[in-house]
C-alpha atoms as a PDB file:
ATOM      1  CA  MET A   1     102.443 117.224  97.197  1.00  0.00           C
ATOM      2  CA  ALA A   2      99.786 119.221  95.419  1.00  0.00           C
ATOM      3  CA  SER A   3      96.733 121.261  96.034  1.00  0.00           C
ATOM      4  CA  SER A   4      94.103 121.523  93.361  1.00  0.00           C
ATOM      5  CA  LYS A   5      94.671 118.874  90.725  1.00  0.00           C
ATOM      6  CA  ALA A   6      95.210 115.192  91.369  1.00  0.00           C
ATOM      7  CA  SER A   7      95.538 111.988  89.435  1.00  0.00           C
ATOM      8  CA  ALA A   8      93.149 109.256  90.357  1.00  0.00           C
ATOM      9  CA  THR A   9      92.071 106.159  88.554  1.00  0.00           C
ATOM     10  CA  SER A  10      88.448 106.834  89.413  1.00  0.00           C
ATOM     11  CA  SER A  11      86.328 109.302  91.292  1.00  0.00           C
ATOM     12  CA  SER A  12      83.596 106.783  92.017  1.00  0.00           C
ATOM     13  CA  LYS A  13      83.477 104.635  95.128  1.00  0.00           C
ATOM     14  CA  SER A  14      85.577 101.492  94.854  1.00  0.00           C
ATOM     15  CA  THR A  15      84.636  98.142  96.332  1.00  0.00           C
ATOM     16  CA  GLY A  16      84.065  98.463 100.069  1.00  0.00           C
ATOM     17  CA  GLY A  17      82.739 102.027  99.981  1.00  0.00           C
ATOM     18  CA  TRP A  18      86.081 103.813  99.608  1.00  0.00           C
ATOM     19  CA  THR A  19      86.659 106.438  96.929  1.00  0.00           C
ATOM     20  CA  TYR A  20      90.318 105.396  96.658  1.00  0.00           C
ATOM     21  CA  ASP A  21      92.060 102.152  97.422  1.00  0.00           C
ATOM     22  CA  VAL A  22      95.388 103.946  97.937  1.00  0.00           C
ATOM     23  CA  PHE A  23      96.460 107.477  98.872  1.00  0.00           C
ATOM     24  CA  LEU A  24     100.109 108.243  98.038  1.00  0.00           C
ATOM     25  CA  SER A  25     101.940 110.581 100.425  1.00  0.00           C
ATOM     26  CA  PHE A  26     105.362 111.695  99.219  1.00  0.00           C
ATOM     27  CA  ARG A  27     107.792 114.593  98.889  1.00  0.00           C
ATOM     28  CA  GLY A  28     107.563 115.551  95.242  1.00  0.00           C
ATOM     29  CA  ASP A  29     111.093 116.925  94.920  1.00  0.00           C
ATOM     30  CA  ASP A  30     112.540 113.602  96.096  1.00  0.00           C
ATOM     31  CA  THR A  31     110.337 110.988  94.477  1.00  0.00           C
ATOM     32  CA  ARG A  32     107.727 112.394  92.069  1.00  0.00           C
ATOM     33  CA  ASN A  33     109.569 111.798  88.795  1.00  0.00           C
ATOM     34  CA  ASN A  34     110.994 108.422  89.658  1.00  0.00           C
ATOM     35  CA  PHE A  35     109.767 106.054  92.359  1.00  0.00           C
ATOM     36  CA  VAL A  36     106.284 107.502  92.902  1.00  0.00           C
ATOM     37  CA  ASP A  37     105.496 107.756  89.189  1.00  0.00           C
ATOM     38  CA  HIS A  38     106.482 104.102  88.718  1.00  0.00           C
ATOM     39  CA  LEU A  39     104.518 102.997  91.790  1.00  0.00           C
ATOM     40  CA  TYR A  40     101.459 104.945  90.659  1.00  0.00           C
ATOM     41  CA  ALA A  41     101.635 103.462  87.144  1.00  0.00           C
ATOM     42  CA  ALA A  42     101.936  99.927  88.534  1.00  0.00           C
ATOM     43  CA  LEU A  43      98.959 100.408  90.865  1.00  0.00           C
ATOM     44  CA  VAL A  44      96.789 101.864  88.106  1.00  0.00           C
ATOM     45  CA  GLN A  45      97.804  99.067  85.731  1.00  0.00           C
ATOM     46  CA  LYS A  46      96.515  96.555  88.307  1.00  0.00           C
ATOM     47  CA  GLY A  47      93.201  98.423  88.553  1.00  0.00           C
ATOM     48  CA  ILE A  48      93.891  99.872  91.993  1.00  0.00           C
ATOM     49  CA  HIS A  49      92.124 103.214  92.467  1.00  0.00           C
ATOM     50  CA  THR A  50      94.933 105.543  93.533  1.00  0.00           C
ATOM     51  CA  PHE A  51      95.099 109.193  94.591  1.00  0.00           C
ATOM     52  CA  LYS A  52      98.325 111.028  93.712  1.00  0.00           C
ATOM     53  CA  ASP A  53      98.768 114.790  93.787  1.00  0.00           C
ATOM     54  CA  ASP A  54     100.055 116.224  90.539  1.00  0.00           C
ATOM     55  CA  GLU A  55     100.626 119.885  91.376  1.00  0.00           C
ATOM     56  CA  MET A  56     103.024 121.453  93.795  1.00  0.00           C
ATOM     57  CA  ILE A  57     101.732 123.093  96.955  1.00  0.00           C
ATOM     58  CA  HIS A  58     103.670 126.284  97.443  1.00  0.00           C
ATOM     59  CA  ARG A  59     105.568 126.984 100.637  1.00  0.00           C
ATOM     60  CA  GLY A  60     103.291 128.569 103.210  1.00  0.00           C
ATOM     61  CA  GLU A  61     100.106 127.007 101.856  1.00  0.00           C
ATOM     62  CA  SER A  62      98.163 124.654 104.065  1.00  0.00           C
ATOM     63  CA  ILE A  63      96.941 121.190 103.257  1.00  0.00           C
ATOM     64  CA  SER A  64      93.877 121.489 101.045  1.00  0.00           C
ATOM     65  CA  SER A  65      90.412 120.233 101.878  1.00  0.00           C
ATOM     66  CA  GLU A  66      90.594 118.106  98.712  1.00  0.00           C
ATOM     67  CA  LEU A  67      93.706 116.402 100.045  1.00  0.00           C
ATOM     68  CA  MET A  68      92.111 115.854 103.456  1.00  0.00           C
ATOM     69  CA  ARG A  69      89.008 114.378 101.855  1.00  0.00           C
ATOM     70  CA  ALA A  70      91.142 112.047  99.714  1.00  0.00           C
ATOM     71  CA  ILE A  71      92.948 110.786 102.840  1.00  0.00           C
ATOM     72  CA  GLU A  72      89.664 110.213 104.655  1.00  0.00           C
ATOM     73  CA  GLU A  73      88.159 108.408 101.654  1.00  0.00           C
ATOM     74  CA  SER A  74      91.099 106.041 101.134  1.00  0.00           C
ATOM     75  CA  ARG A  75      91.454 102.471 102.338  1.00  0.00           C
ATOM     76  CA  PHE A  76      95.272 102.523 102.438  1.00  0.00           C
ATOM     77  CA  ALA A  77      97.889 105.259 102.662  1.00  0.00           C
ATOM     78  CA  VAL A  78     101.343 104.573 101.270  1.00  0.00           C
ATOM     79  CA  VAL A  79     103.744 107.018 102.916  1.00  0.00           C
ATOM     80  CA  VAL A  80     107.015 107.305 101.004  1.00  0.00           C
ATOM     81  CA  PHE A  81     109.584 108.494 103.528  1.00  0.00           C
ATOM     82  CA  SER A  82     112.456 110.091 101.627  1.00  0.00           C
ATOM     83  CA  LYS A  83     115.405 112.258 102.634  1.00  0.00           C
ATOM     84  CA  ASN A  84     113.444 115.530 102.555  1.00  0.00           C
ATOM     85  CA  TYR A  85     109.955 114.265 103.463  1.00  0.00           C
ATOM     86  CA  ALA A  86     110.213 115.475 107.052  1.00  0.00           C
ATOM     87  CA  ASN A  87     111.578 118.871 105.983  1.00  0.00           C
ATOM     88  CA  SER A  88     108.208 119.711 104.474  1.00  0.00           C
ATOM     89  CA  SER A  89     105.613 121.023 106.906  1.00  0.00           C
ATOM     90  CA  LEU A  90     102.981 120.077 104.335  1.00  0.00           C
ATOM     91  CA  CYS A  91     104.175 116.462 104.258  1.00  0.00           C
ATOM     92  CA  LEU A  92     104.139 116.384 108.051  1.00  0.00           C
ATOM     93  CA  ASP A  93     100.622 117.887 108.136  1.00  0.00           C
ATOM     94  CA  GLU A  94      99.548 115.229 105.670  1.00  0.00           C
ATOM     95  CA  LEU A  95     101.205 112.514 107.784  1.00  0.00           C
ATOM     96  CA  ALA A  96      99.485 113.795 110.929  1.00  0.00           C
ATOM     97  CA  ASN A  97      96.123 113.551 109.190  1.00  0.00           C
ATOM     98  CA  ILE A  98      96.935 110.084 107.880  1.00  0.00           C
ATOM     99  CA  MET A  99      97.800 108.930 111.392  1.00  0.00           C
ATOM    100  CA  LYS A 100      94.622 110.504 112.774  1.00  0.00           C
ATOM    101  CA  CYS A 101      92.557 108.537 110.262  1.00  0.00           C
ATOM    102  CA  ARG A 102      94.525 105.392 111.122  1.00  0.00           C
ATOM    103  CA  ASP A 103      93.862 105.885 114.831  1.00  0.00           C
ATOM    104  CA  GLN A 104      90.150 106.281 114.120  1.00  0.00           C
ATOM    105  CA  GLY A 105      90.233 102.827 112.542  1.00  0.00           C
ATOM    106  CA  GLY A 106      89.481 103.587 108.932  1.00  0.00           C
ATOM    107  CA  LEU A 107      92.904 103.710 107.275  1.00  0.00           C
ATOM    108  CA  LYS A 108      95.743 101.211 106.937  1.00  0.00           C
ATOM    109  CA  VAL A 109      99.198 102.803 106.607  1.00  0.00           C
ATOM    110  CA  LEU A 110     102.046 101.252 104.635  1.00  0.00           C
ATOM    111  CA  PRO A 111     105.428 102.988 105.029  1.00  0.00           C
ATOM    112  CA  VAL A 112     108.018 102.905 102.252  1.00  0.00           C
ATOM    113  CA  PHE A 113     111.569 103.989 103.056  1.00  0.00           C
ATOM    114  CA  TYR A 114     113.097 105.481  99.906  1.00  0.00           C
ATOM    115  CA  HIS A 115     116.846 105.915 100.395  1.00  0.00           C
ATOM    116  CA  VAL A 116     116.191 106.448 104.117  1.00  0.00           C
ATOM    117  CA  ASP A 117     117.098 104.152 106.995  1.00  0.00           C
ATOM    118  CA  PRO A 118     113.831 103.079 108.690  1.00  0.00           C
ATOM    119  CA  SER A 119     115.442 103.548 112.105  1.00  0.00           C
ATOM    120  CA  ASP A 120     116.081 107.237 111.288  1.00  0.00           C
ATOM    121  CA  VAL A 121     112.333 107.706 110.944  1.00  0.00           C
ATOM    122  CA  ARG A 122     111.288 105.435 113.814  1.00  0.00           C
ATOM    123  CA  LYS A 123     113.873 106.790 116.263  1.00  0.00           C
ATOM    124  CA  GLN A 124     113.762 110.299 114.800  1.00  0.00           C
ATOM    125  CA  LYS A 125     117.464 110.514 114.025  1.00  0.00           C
ATOM    126  CA  ARG A 126     119.472 112.660 111.596  1.00  0.00           C
ATOM    127  CA  ASP A 127     117.281 114.764 109.258  1.00  0.00           C
ATOM    128  CA  TYR A 128     114.122 113.395 110.834  1.00  0.00           C
ATOM    129  CA  ALA A 129     115.151 114.429 114.361  1.00  0.00           C
ATOM    130  CA  THR A 130     115.612 118.052 113.352  1.00  0.00           C
ATOM    131  CA  ALA A 131     112.406 118.184 111.323  1.00  0.00           C
ATOM    132  CA  PHE A 132     110.219 116.541 113.975  1.00  0.00           C
ATOM    133  CA  GLN A 133     111.654 118.762 116.733  1.00  0.00           C
ATOM    134  CA  LYS A 134     110.914 121.849 114.659  1.00  0.00           C
ATOM    135  CA  THR A 135     107.358 120.671 114.022  1.00  0.00           C
ATOM    136  CA  ARG A 136     106.763 119.976 117.729  1.00  0.00           C
ATOM    137  CA  ARG A 137     107.905 123.511 118.595  1.00  0.00           C
ATOM    138  CA  GLU A 138     105.510 124.950 116.014  1.00  0.00           C
ATOM    139  CA  LEU A 139     102.584 122.972 117.425  1.00  0.00           C
END
């Protein structure tokens, strides 16, 4: 997660009118220096225009307009669900915006379950149950 600086393979529109082919959504503490960095490098190596935040958003900050714009201007969102993804209100805000764009028909979402049981996310069990309940109360 980051706010003002991001890595992207290009800032120009890619084929099909999208600025980015892929937007990566992830919890930096869990996956930034391992899985996400490798995924990002592989995508870039294949010429896939990819948005990945490179700076940390500090607790209490809201999702930036740059991040929102990157989601809206992406063809695909890869959401890397990790152990602490749902414990971040910023990740959940980002996910809510990704799902809004998906529902409006412009974004395809690809979930990746990194050391997390997919049923924990789908059925909102364990860490995900607590985090989603807390978020619902705050809304």
